[in-house]
Structures are given as C-alpha cells and as structure tokens.
Amino acid sequence: MVNSLGASGLRFEREGSIGWCIIDRPAARNALTSAMYYGLKRAVRLVNSDPELSALIITGVDDVFAPGGDLGRRSDPGDALPEGLSSIDIVPFLTIRDSRAPVISAVNGICQAGGLLIAMMSDIAVVSDRATFRVPELLRGIPDATFAAVLPAHIGIAAARDLMFSARKFDAAEALRLGVISRVVPHENLRTAALEAAREVLQTAPVARAQVKRMLNERYGQFDYETMFGALDTSPEPREGMQAFMEKRDACWIPANLPR
C-alpha cells in the first residue's frame, strides 16, 4: 500500500505496524525539495495518527540517504504544499525530534546538511558502513540554527566547531566515534538492523518513553531561527554561496591568495 505525502520524491509504504518513508529522487541525487521536507513532516504525523502504525523508518535509495535541500530550488510535478507556510513551518526536524511514535533513520549512503539533521533528530540512526557525512551550510553562507543547537549537544563544542567550521566530509566510523550517530552496520544488513532497532524501541513503555524523550530534548537549548531565516532573507552570503555551488566556482569570500 502506498500513500501520497504530497511530494513525488517520497514514497510511503507499510510493513505491518512499521511505516517506511523512502526518499526516492535519484535523478536529483535525493536532494530535498520544499514539498519533500514537508512530506517528511506528513509521514511523521501519519504514523502518529494511524492506530495501525507504531513506528517510522526513513531511508533513501541507491547510495544516497539525503544530501540536504535542493539548492536550485526546483520542484517536481506532483509536489503539493499547503498555502501560506513559512520556512519554519516546512522543515521537519523538530517534528521528527518530538514524535511520539519512534522514528528510525536507516542511513544508506551520502548524508549531509538537512539529511544529517533528519538522522540526528531520529530516535536512533542505523547507518551503513558505506555512509558519508558533511555539515556544509557555512560553505553556502547559511548560519544553520538547528546544527548550532544539535551538534554540540551530541558531540561537544570542540567537535561541533570542527565539523561546522571546516565543512569537511567524514565517514561512518568517525561519525560513530564522535557520537554523531550510534549504530553502524554492514551495508547489506541495513534494512534488517533498522527493523530490529524499531522493534527494540517498541518494547519500551510509550508514556514513560515520551517523558524521557522530553527530558532529553531539553538538552538542545535554544534554536535561533530568527537569525537563520533573517540571513536567508536579507544577507547576500546565502545567495552567493548557492550561486557559487551551482556555477561550480569558489565563493567570493574565499581569499584569492589562499595557499594550496
């Protein structure tokens, strides 16, 4: 059975009491459109409202989980967003974090930017040993408020500075060592391991689990979305960063005489 999430790049499938949200936009390497971001929110709400569903697993296709938002701001035929939504209304990260039903990310490959936030905000991220990660927002001139709150809570200030300020790529072994994610499995075992993680979480009492989740989530502190979305609306840096990415050139702020 397949349900529409209002985004042609997402599929929703049922496997008993488990819902699967599959990021399936291979022509764009799973880059997330606004409708896909909101569709992930819809998937979480669906699992929480359907008495026949108990947990959600999010995964990707081929060698990509999710690389973040589509910087070309493209959309696909079949994408459907409600009228009047703000940017903060569209992004799904806090909805994933606060979900009563367990959310498991089965990270099958490249996982960057918004894709990494989806994994980190899930209750458990089960990661293929082939997966790679990156926090590239500052390369694009975006002062990302979610990463600024979430990364230090997961891995400490020093490691968060390293990953955000360098925007370097890192592999699954380093992600596990730092505490970005908690489980790495052989690639061929990913689906089985994700289902096992869901089964494990569903052994715990739901009301007590929700109370513990609330207490854990308090450790994230403040999400300064006013600064983030203000910069996206008014600063020239995000526009330059995205344009440089699309044109495959250095952004204008990179020193011309930087030693190589």
C-alpha atoms as a PDB file:
ATOM      1  CA  MET A   1       0.000   0.000   0.000  1.00  0.00           C
ATOM      2  CA  VAL A   2       1.392   3.415  -0.969  1.00  0.00           C
ATOM      3  CA  ASN A   3       0.247   6.758   0.466  1.00  0.00           C
ATOM      4  CA  SER A   4       0.919  10.160  -1.050  1.00  0.00           C
ATOM      5  CA  LEU A   5       2.931  12.558   1.087  1.00  0.00           C
ATOM      6  CA  GLY A   6       2.441  15.454  -1.315  1.00  0.00           C
ATOM      7  CA  ALA A   7       5.912  15.036  -2.814  1.00  0.00           C
ATOM      8  CA  SER A   8       6.798  12.955  -5.834  1.00  0.00           C
ATOM      9  CA  GLY A   9      10.276  12.338  -4.388  1.00  0.00           C
ATOM     10  CA  LEU A  10       8.908  10.458  -1.356  1.00  0.00           C
ATOM     11  CA  ARG A  11       7.225   7.075  -1.048  1.00  0.00           C
ATOM     12  CA  PHE A  12       5.298   5.803   1.968  1.00  0.00           C
ATOM     13  CA  GLU A  13       4.997   2.048   2.428  1.00  0.00           C
ATOM     14  CA  ARG A  14       3.607  -0.134   5.197  1.00  0.00           C
ATOM     15  CA  GLU A  15       5.215  -3.255   6.605  1.00  0.00           C
ATOM     16  CA  GLY A  16       2.926  -4.479   9.348  1.00  0.00           C
ATOM     17  CA  SER A  17       2.969  -1.833  12.073  1.00  0.00           C
ATOM     18  CA  ILE A  18       6.026  -0.105  10.579  1.00  0.00           C
ATOM     19  CA  GLY A  19       5.772   2.800   8.158  1.00  0.00           C
ATOM     20  CA  TRP A  20       8.624   3.326   5.702  1.00  0.00           C
ATOM     21  CA  CYS A  21       9.263   6.793   4.267  1.00  0.00           C
ATOM     22  CA  ILE A  22      11.614   6.336   1.317  1.00  0.00           C
ATOM     23  CA  ILE A  23      13.471   9.314  -0.136  1.00  0.00           C
ATOM     24  CA  ASP A  24      13.366   8.406  -3.818  1.00  0.00           C
ATOM     25  CA  ARG A  25      14.510  11.191  -6.154  1.00  0.00           C
ATOM     26  CA  PRO A  26      17.539   9.613  -7.813  1.00  0.00           C
ATOM     27  CA  ALA A  27      17.605  11.997 -10.789  1.00  0.00           C
ATOM     28  CA  ALA A  28      18.492  14.795  -8.333  1.00  0.00           C
ATOM     29  CA  ARG A  29      20.586  12.566  -6.030  1.00  0.00           C
ATOM     30  CA  ASN A  30      17.762  12.726  -3.435  1.00  0.00           C
ATOM     31  CA  ALA A  31      18.072  16.499  -2.977  1.00  0.00           C
ATOM     32  CA  LEU A  32      15.083  17.539  -0.881  1.00  0.00           C
ATOM     33  CA  THR A  33      12.508  19.924  -2.334  1.00  0.00           C
ATOM     34  CA  SER A  34      10.333  22.016  -0.027  1.00  0.00           C
ATOM     35  CA  ALA A  35       7.479  19.569  -0.669  1.00  0.00           C
ATOM     36  CA  MET A  36       9.732  16.665   0.320  1.00  0.00           C
ATOM     37  CA  TYR A  37      10.741  18.366   3.568  1.00  0.00           C
ATOM     38  CA  TYR A  38       7.073  18.940   4.356  1.00  0.00           C
ATOM     39  CA  GLY A  39       6.264  15.413   3.195  1.00  0.00           C
ATOM     40  CA  LEU A  40       8.601  14.035   5.861  1.00  0.00           C
ATOM     41  CA  LYS A  41       6.593  16.029   8.379  1.00  0.00           C
ATOM     42  CA  ARG A  42       3.424  14.475   6.964  1.00  0.00           C
ATOM     43  CA  ALA A  43       4.940  10.999   7.289  1.00  0.00           C
ATOM     44  CA  VAL A  44       5.649  11.542  10.995  1.00  0.00           C
ATOM     45  CA  ARG A  45       2.123  12.838  11.556  1.00  0.00           C
ATOM     46  CA  LEU A  46       0.637   9.905   9.654  1.00  0.00           C
ATOM     47  CA  VAL A  47       2.425   7.351  11.817  1.00  0.00           C
ATOM     48  CA  ASN A  48       1.389   9.202  14.977  1.00  0.00           C
ATOM     49  CA  SER A  49      -2.281   9.372  13.938  1.00  0.00           C
ATOM     50  CA  ASP A  50      -2.790   5.906  12.425  1.00  0.00           C
ATOM     51  CA  PRO A  51      -3.652   3.288  15.080  1.00  0.00           C
ATOM     52  CA  GLU A  52      -2.309   0.541  12.814  1.00  0.00           C
ATOM     53  CA  LEU A  53       1.188   2.075  12.719  1.00  0.00           C
ATOM     54  CA  SER A  54       3.679   2.142  15.581  1.00  0.00           C
ATOM     55  CA  ALA A  55       6.981   3.452  14.191  1.00  0.00           C
ATOM     56  CA  LEU A  56       8.517   5.184  11.176  1.00  0.00           C
ATOM     57  CA  ILE A  57      11.722   4.274   9.341  1.00  0.00           C
ATOM     58  CA  ILE A  58      13.223   6.853   6.973  1.00  0.00           C
ATOM     59  CA  THR A  59      15.687   5.724   4.318  1.00  0.00           C
ATOM     60  CA  GLY A  60      16.971   6.619   0.843  1.00  0.00           C
ATOM     61  CA  VAL A  61      17.701   4.866  -2.428  1.00  0.00           C
ATOM     62  CA  ASP A  62      20.890   3.712  -4.148  1.00  0.00           C
ATOM     63  CA  ASP A  63      23.975   5.283  -2.496  1.00  0.00           C
ATOM     64  CA  VAL A  64      22.258   8.414  -1.142  1.00  0.00           C
ATOM     65  CA  PHE A  65      20.238   8.959   2.013  1.00  0.00           C
ATOM     66  CA  ALA A  66      19.741  12.730   1.645  1.00  0.00           C
ATOM     67  CA  PRO A  67      22.236  15.487   0.760  1.00  0.00           C
ATOM     68  CA  GLY A  68      20.044  18.313   2.084  1.00  0.00           C
ATOM     69  CA  GLY A  69      17.875  20.784   0.264  1.00  0.00           C
ATOM     70  CA  ASP A  70      17.788  21.261  -3.485  1.00  0.00           C
ATOM     71  CA  LEU A  71      19.943  24.380  -3.889  1.00  0.00           C
ATOM     72  CA  GLY A  72      18.417  25.005  -7.300  1.00  0.00           C
ATOM     73  CA  ARG A  73      15.069  25.401  -5.504  1.00  0.00           C
ATOM     74  CA  ARG A  74      13.477  23.127  -8.052  1.00  0.00           C
ATOM     75  CA  SER A  75      10.218  21.302  -7.567  1.00  0.00           C
ATOM     76  CA  ASP A  76       8.723  18.262  -9.278  1.00  0.00           C
ATOM     77  CA  PRO A  77       5.333  17.603 -10.866  1.00  0.00           C
ATOM     78  CA  GLY A  78       3.044  16.316  -8.143  1.00  0.00           C
ATOM     79  CA  ASP A  79       4.626  18.344  -5.356  1.00  0.00           C
ATOM     80  CA  ALA A  80       1.926  19.912  -3.175  1.00  0.00           C
ATOM     81  CA  LEU A  81       2.457  22.376  -0.324  1.00  0.00           C
ATOM     82  CA  PRO A  82      -0.345  23.984   1.700  1.00  0.00           C
ATOM     83  CA  GLU A  83      -0.751  27.702   1.120  1.00  0.00           C
ATOM     84  CA  GLY A  84       0.796  30.252   3.457  1.00  0.00           C
ATOM     85  CA  LEU A  85       3.540  28.148   5.024  1.00  0.00           C
ATOM     86  CA  SER A  86       6.658  29.879   6.336  1.00  0.00           C
ATOM     87  CA  SER A  87      10.109  28.305   6.046  1.00  0.00           C
ATOM     88  CA  ILE A  88       9.966  27.188   9.677  1.00  0.00           C
ATOM     89  CA  ASP A  89       6.590  25.538   9.010  1.00  0.00           C
ATOM     90  CA  ILE A  90       8.103  23.425   6.222  1.00  0.00           C
ATOM     91  CA  VAL A  91      11.210  21.937   7.839  1.00  0.00           C
ATOM     92  CA  PRO A  92      10.556  18.608   9.635  1.00  0.00           C
ATOM     93  CA  PHE A  93      13.399  18.414  12.139  1.00  0.00           C
ATOM     94  CA  LEU A  94      11.551  19.327  15.334  1.00  0.00           C
ATOM     95  CA  THR A  95       8.563  17.218  14.272  1.00  0.00           C
ATOM     96  CA  ILE A  96      10.893  14.215  13.946  1.00  0.00           C
ATOM     97  CA  ARG A  97      12.519  15.034  17.277  1.00  0.00           C
ATOM     98  CA  ASP A  98       9.210  15.343  19.123  1.00  0.00           C
ATOM     99  CA  SER A  99       7.407  12.379  17.525  1.00  0.00           C
ATOM    100  CA  ARG A 100       5.541  10.181  19.992  1.00  0.00           C
ATOM    101  CA  ALA A 101       5.999   7.212  17.657  1.00  0.00           C
ATOM    102  CA  PRO A 102       9.639   6.099  17.329  1.00  0.00           C
ATOM    103  CA  VAL A 103      11.475   7.410  14.267  1.00  0.00           C
ATOM    104  CA  ILE A 104      14.431   5.393  12.959  1.00  0.00           C
ATOM    105  CA  SER A 105      16.744   6.613  10.200  1.00  0.00           C
ATOM    106  CA  ALA A 106      18.274   3.881   8.034  1.00  0.00           C
ATOM    107  CA  VAL A 107      21.161   5.838   6.528  1.00  0.00           C
ATOM    108  CA  ASN A 108      22.111   4.026   3.335  1.00  0.00           C
ATOM    109  CA  GLY A 109      24.692   6.424   1.881  1.00  0.00           C
ATOM    110  CA  ILE A 110      25.518  10.123   1.458  1.00  0.00           C
ATOM    111  CA  CYS A 111      24.036  12.038   4.389  1.00  0.00           C
ATOM    112  CA  GLN A 112      24.623  15.782   4.519  1.00  0.00           C
ATOM    113  CA  ALA A 113      23.028  19.043   5.654  1.00  0.00           C
ATOM    114  CA  GLY A 114      19.283  18.513   6.182  1.00  0.00           C
ATOM    115  CA  GLY A 115      19.742  14.790   5.640  1.00  0.00           C
ATOM    116  CA  LEU A 116      22.143  14.619   8.576  1.00  0.00           C
ATOM    117  CA  LEU A 117      19.697  16.601  10.717  1.00  0.00           C
ATOM    118  CA  ILE A 118      16.977  14.056   9.900  1.00  0.00           C
ATOM    119  CA  ALA A 119      19.299  11.280  11.083  1.00  0.00           C
ATOM    120  CA  MET A 120      20.379  13.117  14.243  1.00  0.00           C
ATOM    121  CA  MET A 121      16.828  14.080  15.227  1.00  0.00           C
ATOM    122  CA  SER A 122      15.612  10.496  14.844  1.00  0.00           C
ATOM    123  CA  ASP A 123      15.383   8.359  17.958  1.00  0.00           C
ATOM    124  CA  ILE A 124      18.013   6.024  16.507  1.00  0.00           C
ATOM    125  CA  ALA A 125      20.098   6.325  13.345  1.00  0.00           C
ATOM    126  CA  VAL A 126      21.219   2.972  11.970  1.00  0.00           C
ATOM    127  CA  VAL A 127      23.997   3.667   9.478  1.00  0.00           C
ATOM    128  CA  SER A 128      25.554   1.723   6.626  1.00  0.00           C
ATOM    129  CA  ASP A 129      29.308   1.341   6.855  1.00  0.00           C
ATOM    130  CA  ARG A 130      29.399   2.974   3.399  1.00  0.00           C
ATOM    131  CA  ALA A 131      27.712   6.198   4.551  1.00  0.00           C
ATOM    132  CA  THR A 132      29.496   9.546   4.472  1.00  0.00           C
ATOM    133  CA  PHE A 133      28.596  12.787   6.222  1.00  0.00           C
ATOM    134  CA  ARG A 134      29.096  16.538   5.988  1.00  0.00           C
ATOM    135  CA  VAL A 135      27.812  19.773   7.565  1.00  0.00           C
ATOM    136  CA  PRO A 136      28.184  22.110   4.537  1.00  0.00           C
ATOM    137  CA  GLU A 137      25.892  25.018   5.472  1.00  0.00           C
ATOM    138  CA  LEU A 138      28.652  27.579   6.116  1.00  0.00           C
ATOM    139  CA  LEU A 139      30.086  26.847   2.669  1.00  0.00           C
ATOM    140  CA  ARG A 140      26.786  28.223   1.359  1.00  0.00           C
ATOM    141  CA  GLY A 141      26.648  31.211   3.752  1.00  0.00           C
ATOM    142  CA  ILE A 142      23.861  29.723   5.897  1.00  0.00           C
ATOM    143  CA  PRO A 143      24.095  30.190   9.730  1.00  0.00           C
ATOM    144  CA  ASP A 144      22.217  26.964  10.480  1.00  0.00           C
ATOM    145  CA  ALA A 145      20.383  27.262  13.804  1.00  0.00           C
ATOM    146  CA  THR A 146      19.466  23.571  14.075  1.00  0.00           C
ATOM    147  CA  PHE A 147      23.030  22.320  13.717  1.00  0.00           C
ATOM    148  CA  ALA A 148      24.284  25.039  16.101  1.00  0.00           C
ATOM    149  CA  ALA A 149      21.956  23.627  18.776  1.00  0.00           C
ATOM    150  CA  VAL A 150      22.055  19.916  17.948  1.00  0.00           C
ATOM    151  CA  LEU A 151      25.719  19.184  17.179  1.00  0.00           C
ATOM    152  CA  PRO A 152      27.176  20.498  20.481  1.00  0.00           C
ATOM    153  CA  ALA A 153      24.524  18.583  22.413  1.00  0.00           C
ATOM    154  CA  HIS A 154      25.507  15.357  20.647  1.00  0.00           C
ATOM    155  CA  ILE A 155      29.281  15.656  20.360  1.00  0.00           C
ATOM    156  CA  GLY A 156      30.513  18.662  22.377  1.00  0.00           C
ATOM    157  CA  ILE A 157      31.592  22.165  21.412  1.00  0.00           C
ATOM    158  CA  ALA A 158      35.069  21.334  20.077  1.00  0.00           C
ATOM    159  CA  ALA A 159      33.932  18.616  17.688  1.00  0.00           C
ATOM    160  CA  ALA A 160      30.906  20.690  16.623  1.00  0.00           C
ATOM    161  CA  ARG A 161      33.210  23.610  15.753  1.00  0.00           C
ATOM    162  CA  ASP A 162      35.427  21.283  13.755  1.00  0.00           C
ATOM    163  CA  LEU A 163      32.594  19.829  11.664  1.00  0.00           C
ATOM    164  CA  MET A 164      30.731  23.122  11.135  1.00  0.00           C
ATOM    165  CA  PHE A 165      33.664  25.461  10.508  1.00  0.00           C
ATOM    166  CA  SER A 166      35.637  23.061   8.287  1.00  0.00           C
ATOM    167  CA  ALA A 167      32.585  21.587   6.487  1.00  0.00           C
ATOM    168  CA  ARG A 168      34.776  18.549   5.860  1.00  0.00           C
ATOM    169  CA  LYS A 169      33.490  15.119   4.916  1.00  0.00           C
ATOM    170  CA  PHE A 170      33.715  12.284   7.422  1.00  0.00           C
ATOM    171  CA  ASP A 171      32.891   8.597   7.272  1.00  0.00           C
ATOM    172  CA  ALA A 172      30.640   6.315   9.297  1.00  0.00           C
ATOM    173  CA  ALA A 173      33.448   5.161  11.593  1.00  0.00           C
ATOM    174  CA  GLU A 174      34.281   8.746  12.598  1.00  0.00           C
ATOM    175  CA  ALA A 175      30.591   9.634  12.952  1.00  0.00           C
ATOM    176  CA  LEU A 176      30.240   6.730  15.376  1.00  0.00           C
ATOM    177  CA  ARG A 177      33.397   7.667  17.303  1.00  0.00           C
ATOM    178  CA  LEU A 178      32.290  11.292  17.680  1.00  0.00           C
ATOM    179  CA  GLY A 179      28.746  10.351  18.713  1.00  0.00           C
ATOM    180  CA  VAL A 180      27.024  11.935  15.715  1.00  0.00           C
ATOM    181  CA  ILE A 181      25.184   8.618  15.312  1.00  0.00           C
ATOM    182  CA  SER A 182      25.069   5.477  17.429  1.00  0.00           C
ATOM    183  CA  ARG A 183      24.965   2.361  15.217  1.00  0.00           C
ATOM    184  CA  VAL A 184      26.987   1.319  12.168  1.00  0.00           C
ATOM    185  CA  VAL A 185      26.214  -1.957  10.403  1.00  0.00           C
ATOM    186  CA  PRO A 186      27.382  -3.702   7.217  1.00  0.00           C
ATOM    187  CA  HIS A 187      25.579  -2.153   4.267  1.00  0.00           C
ATOM    188  CA  GLU A 188      23.804  -5.372   3.327  1.00  0.00           C
ATOM    189  CA  ASN A 189      22.333  -5.652   6.852  1.00  0.00           C
ATOM    190  CA  LEU A 190      20.902  -2.122   6.978  1.00  0.00           C
ATOM    191  CA  ARG A 191      17.223  -2.905   6.455  1.00  0.00           C
ATOM    192  CA  THR A 192      17.235  -5.776   8.951  1.00  0.00           C
ATOM    193  CA  ALA A 193      19.107  -3.667  11.526  1.00  0.00           C
ATOM    194  CA  ALA A 194      16.681  -0.748  11.126  1.00  0.00           C
ATOM    195  CA  LEU A 195      13.689  -3.029  11.698  1.00  0.00           C
ATOM    196  CA  GLU A 196      15.426  -4.521  14.738  1.00  0.00           C
ATOM    197  CA  ALA A 197      16.012  -1.031  16.159  1.00  0.00           C
ATOM    198  CA  ALA A 198      12.321  -0.232  15.729  1.00  0.00           C
ATOM    199  CA  ARG A 199      11.342  -3.485  17.437  1.00  0.00           C
ATOM    200  CA  GLU A 200      13.690  -2.736  20.332  1.00  0.00           C
ATOM    201  CA  VAL A 201      12.294   0.763  20.916  1.00  0.00           C
ATOM    202  CA  LEU A 202       8.712  -0.525  20.742  1.00  0.00           C
ATOM    203  CA  GLN A 203       9.447  -2.867  23.660  1.00  0.00           C
ATOM    204  CA  THR A 204       9.578   0.193  25.931  1.00  0.00           C
ATOM    205  CA  ALA A 205       6.532   1.769  27.583  1.00  0.00           C
ATOM    206  CA  PRO A 206       5.213   4.620  25.379  1.00  0.00           C
ATOM    207  CA  VAL A 207       4.210   7.122  28.082  1.00  0.00           C
ATOM    208  CA  ALA A 208       7.458   6.697  30.015  1.00  0.00           C
ATOM    209  CA  ARG A 209       9.404   6.857  26.743  1.00  0.00           C
ATOM    210  CA  ALA A 210       7.703  10.141  25.810  1.00  0.00           C
ATOM    211  CA  GLN A 211       8.599  11.606  29.207  1.00  0.00           C
ATOM    212  CA  VAL A 212      12.251  10.584  28.816  1.00  0.00           C
ATOM    213  CA  LYS A 213      12.276  11.995  25.271  1.00  0.00           C
ATOM    214  CA  ARG A 214      11.011  15.346  26.588  1.00  0.00           C
ATOM    215  CA  MET A 215      13.772  15.443  29.211  1.00  0.00           C
ATOM    216  CA  LEU A 216      16.443  14.540  26.660  1.00  0.00           C
ATOM    217  CA  ASN A 217      15.205  17.143  24.188  1.00  0.00           C
ATOM    218  CA  GLU A 218      15.573  19.900  26.801  1.00  0.00           C
ATOM    219  CA  ARG A 219      19.344  19.492  26.432  1.00  0.00           C
ATOM    220  CA  TYR A 220      19.274  21.025  22.959  1.00  0.00           C
ATOM    221  CA  GLY A 221      18.709  24.540  24.271  1.00  0.00           C
ATOM    222  CA  GLN A 222      17.572  27.372  22.005  1.00  0.00           C
ATOM    223  CA  PHE A 223      17.141  27.200  18.223  1.00  0.00           C
ATOM    224  CA  ASP A 224      17.893  30.702  16.924  1.00  0.00           C
ATOM    225  CA  TYR A 225      15.748  30.521  13.815  1.00  0.00           C
ATOM    226  CA  GLU A 226      15.294  34.294  13.776  1.00  0.00           C
ATOM    227  CA  THR A 227      18.978  34.751  12.903  1.00  0.00           C
ATOM    228  CA  MET A 228      18.989  31.870  10.426  1.00  0.00           C
ATOM    229  CA  PHE A 229      15.906  32.811   8.428  1.00  0.00           C
ATOM    230  CA  GLY A 230      16.771  36.508   8.701  1.00  0.00           C
ATOM    231  CA  ALA A 231      20.077  35.768   6.977  1.00  0.00           C
ATOM    232  CA  LEU A 232      18.357  33.716   4.296  1.00  0.00           C
ATOM    233  CA  ASP A 233      16.022  36.640   3.602  1.00  0.00           C
ATOM    234  CA  THR A 234      18.462  39.556   3.810  1.00  0.00           C
ATOM    235  CA  SER A 235      22.124  38.510   3.711  1.00  0.00           C
ATOM    236  CA  PRO A 236      23.962  38.330   0.362  1.00  0.00           C
ATOM    237  CA  GLU A 237      26.010  35.367   1.582  1.00  0.00           C
ATOM    238  CA  PRO A 238      23.443  32.570   1.086  1.00  0.00           C
ATOM    239  CA  ARG A 239      22.689  33.817  -2.421  1.00  0.00           C
ATOM    240  CA  GLU A 240      26.398  33.949  -3.277  1.00  0.00           C
ATOM    241  CA  GLY A 241      27.078  30.572  -1.664  1.00  0.00           C
ATOM    242  CA  MET A 242      24.291  28.844  -3.587  1.00  0.00           C
ATOM    243  CA  GLN A 243      25.217  30.586  -6.845  1.00  0.00           C
ATOM    244  CA  ALA A 244      28.853  29.565  -6.451  1.00  0.00           C
ATOM    245  CA  PHE A 245      27.766  25.973  -5.847  1.00  0.00           C
ATOM    246  CA  MET A 246      25.544  25.945  -8.937  1.00  0.00           C
ATOM    247  CA  GLU A 247      28.314  27.515 -11.049  1.00  0.00           C
ATOM    248  CA  LYS A 248      30.982  25.189  -9.605  1.00  0.00           C
ATOM    249  CA  ARG A 249      33.267  28.042  -8.552  1.00  0.00           C
ATOM    250  CA  ASP A 250      34.728  29.402  -5.329  1.00  0.00           C
ATOM    251  CA  ALA A 251      32.512  31.744  -3.328  1.00  0.00           C
ATOM    252  CA  CYS A 252      33.646  35.366  -3.379  1.00  0.00           C
ATOM    253  CA  TRP A 253      34.704  35.329   0.287  1.00  0.00           C
ATOM    254  CA  ILE A 254      37.460  32.748  -0.237  1.00  0.00           C
ATOM    255  CA  PRO A 255      40.841  34.602  -0.273  1.00  0.00           C
ATOM    256  CA  ALA A 256      42.355  34.661  -3.757  1.00  0.00           C
ATOM    257  CA  ASN A 257      45.878  34.112  -2.354  1.00  0.00           C
ATOM    258  CA  LEU A 258      44.925  31.212  -0.063  1.00  0.00           C
ATOM    259  CA  PRO A 259      47.839  28.738  -0.051  1.00  0.00           C
ATOM    260  CA  ARG A 260      47.003  25.433  -1.706  1.00  0.00           C
END
